[in-house]
Amino acid sequence: KVVVFGVRGDVNMDLTIYAAKRPLHSGNYGNFAPNPALRLLSLLASMKDDQGKVLVRNFYDDYVLFSETERQAILEASFTDAQLLQELGLKEPEVPGRSLLEGFELPTLNINGIGSANTGKLAANIIPSTARATLDLRMVLGNDWQRQTGRVVEHIRAQGWHVIDHEPTEEERAQF
């Protein structure tokens, strides 16, 4: 038997946290200038808990549950998560007790990438001027991409952030 559910839809969101206009020496400006990388990590951590649940308000409100036939097909599938975990070198799934196939029913939020200044041999003693992340929102039946991205924006605002869709002006930098 083969079970095909299709592929979850996808929308990406690019986030940029702005700080000082230029990178600053951490020995001189540490404990004074906000670090956008730390602030971005805090914001991202507020979006999902340690059990894999998206914490964005109303994120799960619109999805359509699998039918009983689809649920039965999942239970009868010969696919095993244990084999997949071993193949991927993982101890356990993000949500213990939820199979890969069961997870296809739900929308999710993923971080595709994060960047701010340099690491490793290229690292310097700086407080970076920006930090960036790209979010990957996976949609399922019932989700509307504009509604889901709007929920994420509202979550960001609820964390105390000012949201803009352009490079900040001098006035915006001074105010926010």
Protein backbone atom coordinates (compact mmCIF):
# COMPACT_ATOMS: atom_id res chain seq x y z
CA LYS A 1 0.00 0.00 0.00
CA VAL A 2 1.09 3.57 -0.66
CA VAL A 3 -0.24 6.55 1.25
CA VAL A 4 0.11 9.90 -0.50
CA PHE A 5 -0.94 13.04 1.34
CA GLY A 6 0.73 15.52 -1.00
CA VAL A 7 3.23 18.11 0.10
CA ARG A 8 2.53 20.82 2.65
CA GLY A 9 2.49 24.31 1.18
CA ASP A 10 5.26 26.73 2.02
CA VAL A 11 5.72 30.42 2.65
CA ASN A 12 8.94 32.06 3.81
CA MET A 13 9.34 35.11 6.01
CA ASP A 14 12.58 37.06 6.25
CA LEU A 15 13.28 38.74 9.59
CA THR A 16 15.97 41.35 10.20
CA ILE A 17 16.81 42.79 13.59
CA TYR A 18 18.55 46.16 13.37
CA ALA A 19 20.87 47.53 16.03
CA ALA A 20 23.70 50.08 15.80
CA LYS A 21 24.40 51.54 12.35
CA ARG A 22 27.78 49.78 12.26
CA PRO A 23 29.44 46.83 13.98
CA LEU A 24 30.87 47.85 17.36
CA HIS A 25 33.86 46.52 19.31
CA SER A 26 32.46 44.31 22.07
CA GLY A 27 35.19 45.35 24.51
CA ASN A 28 34.11 48.96 24.26
CA TYR A 29 30.37 48.63 23.67
CA GLY A 30 29.49 45.34 25.39
CA ASN A 31 26.84 45.94 28.09
CA PHE A 32 25.84 49.14 26.29
CA ALA A 33 24.82 48.44 22.68
CA PRO A 34 22.05 45.89 22.13
CA ASN A 35 23.18 42.73 20.36
CA PRO A 36 20.77 41.96 17.50
CA ALA A 37 21.85 38.31 17.35
CA LEU A 38 20.87 37.72 20.97
CA ARG A 39 17.61 39.57 20.50
CA LEU A 40 16.79 37.57 17.36
CA LEU A 41 17.47 34.29 19.16
CA SER A 42 15.16 35.33 21.99
CA LEU A 43 12.43 36.24 19.51
CA LEU A 44 12.79 32.96 17.63
CA ALA A 45 12.75 30.96 20.87
CA SER A 46 9.40 32.58 21.75
CA MET A 47 7.80 31.04 18.65
CA LYS A 48 8.10 27.34 19.46
CA ASP A 49 8.39 25.35 22.68
CA ASP A 50 10.71 22.47 23.53
CA GLN A 51 8.04 19.94 22.56
CA GLY A 52 7.72 21.32 19.02
CA LYS A 53 4.47 23.22 19.55
CA VAL A 54 4.24 26.53 17.70
CA LEU A 55 3.44 29.22 20.27
CA VAL A 56 2.16 31.79 17.78
CA ARG A 57 -1.40 32.62 18.82
CA ASN A 58 -4.08 30.88 16.69
CA PHE A 59 -1.43 29.13 14.55
CA TYR A 60 -3.35 25.84 14.60
CA ASP A 61 -6.87 27.30 14.31
CA ASP A 62 -7.59 26.67 10.63
CA TYR A 63 -6.16 23.31 9.69
CA VAL A 64 -8.41 20.47 8.55
CA LEU A 65 -8.07 17.20 10.46
CA PHE A 66 -7.24 14.00 8.59
CA SER A 67 -10.25 11.85 7.84
CA GLU A 68 -10.75 8.51 9.59
CA THR A 69 -9.68 6.76 6.37
CA GLU A 70 -6.45 8.78 6.29
CA ARG A 71 -5.79 8.07 9.98
CA GLN A 72 -6.34 4.36 9.40
CA ALA A 73 -3.93 4.42 6.45
CA ILE A 74 -1.28 5.99 8.67
CA LEU A 75 -1.75 3.27 11.28
CA GLU A 76 -1.46 0.55 8.62
CA ALA A 77 1.61 2.03 6.91
CA SER A 78 4.71 -0.15 7.04
CA PHE A 79 6.89 2.93 7.48
CA THR A 80 8.76 2.99 10.78
CA ASP A 81 9.98 6.08 12.55
CA ALA A 82 12.62 4.02 14.39
CA GLN A 83 14.30 3.16 11.09
CA LEU A 84 14.17 6.79 9.97
CA LEU A 85 15.60 8.06 13.27
CA GLN A 86 18.50 5.64 12.96
CA GLU A 87 19.11 6.62 9.33
CA LEU A 88 19.12 10.33 10.24
CA GLY A 89 21.21 9.89 13.38
CA LEU A 90 18.53 11.30 15.67
CA LYS A 91 17.69 10.13 19.19
CA GLU A 92 14.02 11.11 19.00
CA PRO A 93 11.60 13.17 16.93
CA GLU A 94 10.91 16.81 17.72
CA VAL A 95 7.55 15.80 19.19
CA PRO A 96 7.98 12.54 21.12
CA GLY A 97 5.05 10.23 20.51
CA ARG A 98 4.07 11.82 17.19
CA SER A 99 5.05 9.93 14.06
CA LEU A 100 6.38 11.55 10.93
CA LEU A 101 3.17 10.71 9.10
CA GLU A 102 0.96 12.10 11.88
CA GLY A 103 2.93 15.35 11.73
CA PHE A 104 1.86 15.88 8.12
CA GLU A 105 -1.59 16.88 9.42
CA LEU A 106 -0.28 19.98 11.18
CA PRO A 107 1.11 23.30 10.00
CA THR A 108 4.58 24.03 11.29
CA LEU A 109 7.15 26.75 11.69
CA ASN A 110 10.80 26.10 10.86
CA ILE A 111 13.92 28.24 10.82
CA ASN A 112 15.66 27.82 7.47
CA GLY A 113 18.70 29.83 8.49
CA ILE A 114 20.17 32.45 10.78
CA GLY A 115 22.99 34.90 10.14
CA SER A 116 24.80 37.67 11.98
CA ALA A 117 28.48 38.64 11.62
CA ASN A 118 31.04 35.83 11.39
CA THR A 119 31.93 32.67 13.29
CA GLY A 120 34.90 30.35 13.62
CA LYS A 121 38.19 31.62 12.20
CA LEU A 122 36.44 34.68 10.76
CA ALA A 123 34.92 35.73 14.10
CA ALA A 124 35.76 39.20 15.39
CA ASN A 125 35.17 40.92 18.72
CA ILE A 126 32.12 42.80 17.56
CA ILE A 127 28.52 43.44 18.35
CA PRO A 128 26.94 43.03 14.90
CA SER A 129 24.72 45.69 13.39
CA THR A 130 22.06 43.25 12.15
CA ALA A 131 20.85 39.70 12.58
CA ARG A 132 18.70 37.84 10.06
CA ALA A 133 16.60 34.70 9.92
CA THR A 134 14.37 33.10 7.34
CA LEU A 135 11.28 31.33 8.62
CA ASP A 136 9.59 28.53 6.72
CA LEU A 137 5.87 28.22 7.46
CA ARG A 138 4.43 24.92 6.25
CA MET A 139 0.75 25.10 5.34
CA VAL A 140 -1.82 22.33 5.40
CA LEU A 141 -5.39 22.07 4.20
CA GLY A 142 -7.38 24.96 5.67
CA ASN A 143 -4.43 27.37 6.09
CA ASP A 144 -4.23 30.70 4.32
CA TRP A 145 -0.66 31.98 3.89
CA GLN A 146 -1.62 35.60 4.53
CA ARG A 147 -3.46 34.71 7.72
CA GLN A 148 -0.54 32.54 8.95
CA THR A 149 2.12 35.17 8.21
CA GLY A 150 -0.12 37.79 9.83
CA ARG A 151 -0.24 35.67 12.97
CA VAL A 152 3.54 35.53 13.06
CA VAL A 153 3.77 39.31 12.62
CA GLU A 154 1.28 39.78 15.46
CA HIS A 155 3.34 37.42 17.62
CA ILE A 156 6.44 39.51 16.91
CA ARG A 157 4.56 42.69 17.86
CA ALA A 158 3.27 41.04 21.04
CA GLN A 159 6.90 40.41 22.02
CA GLY A 160 7.41 44.19 21.92
CA TRP A 161 8.89 44.56 18.44
CA HIS A 162 8.15 47.31 15.92
CA VAL A 163 7.57 45.68 12.52
CA ILE A 164 8.43 47.44 9.24
CA ASP A 165 8.83 46.24 5.66
CA HIS A 166 11.75 48.48 4.72
CA GLU A 167 15.18 49.57 5.95
CA PRO A 168 14.63 51.68 9.06
CA THR A 169 14.83 55.43 8.72
CA GLU A 170 16.91 57.53 11.11
CA GLU A 171 13.73 58.45 12.95
CA GLU A 172 12.62 54.82 13.26
CA ARG A 173 16.05 53.79 14.56
CA ALA A 174 15.91 56.53 17.19
CA GLN A 175 12.34 55.72 18.22
CA PHE A 176 12.45 51.92 18.22
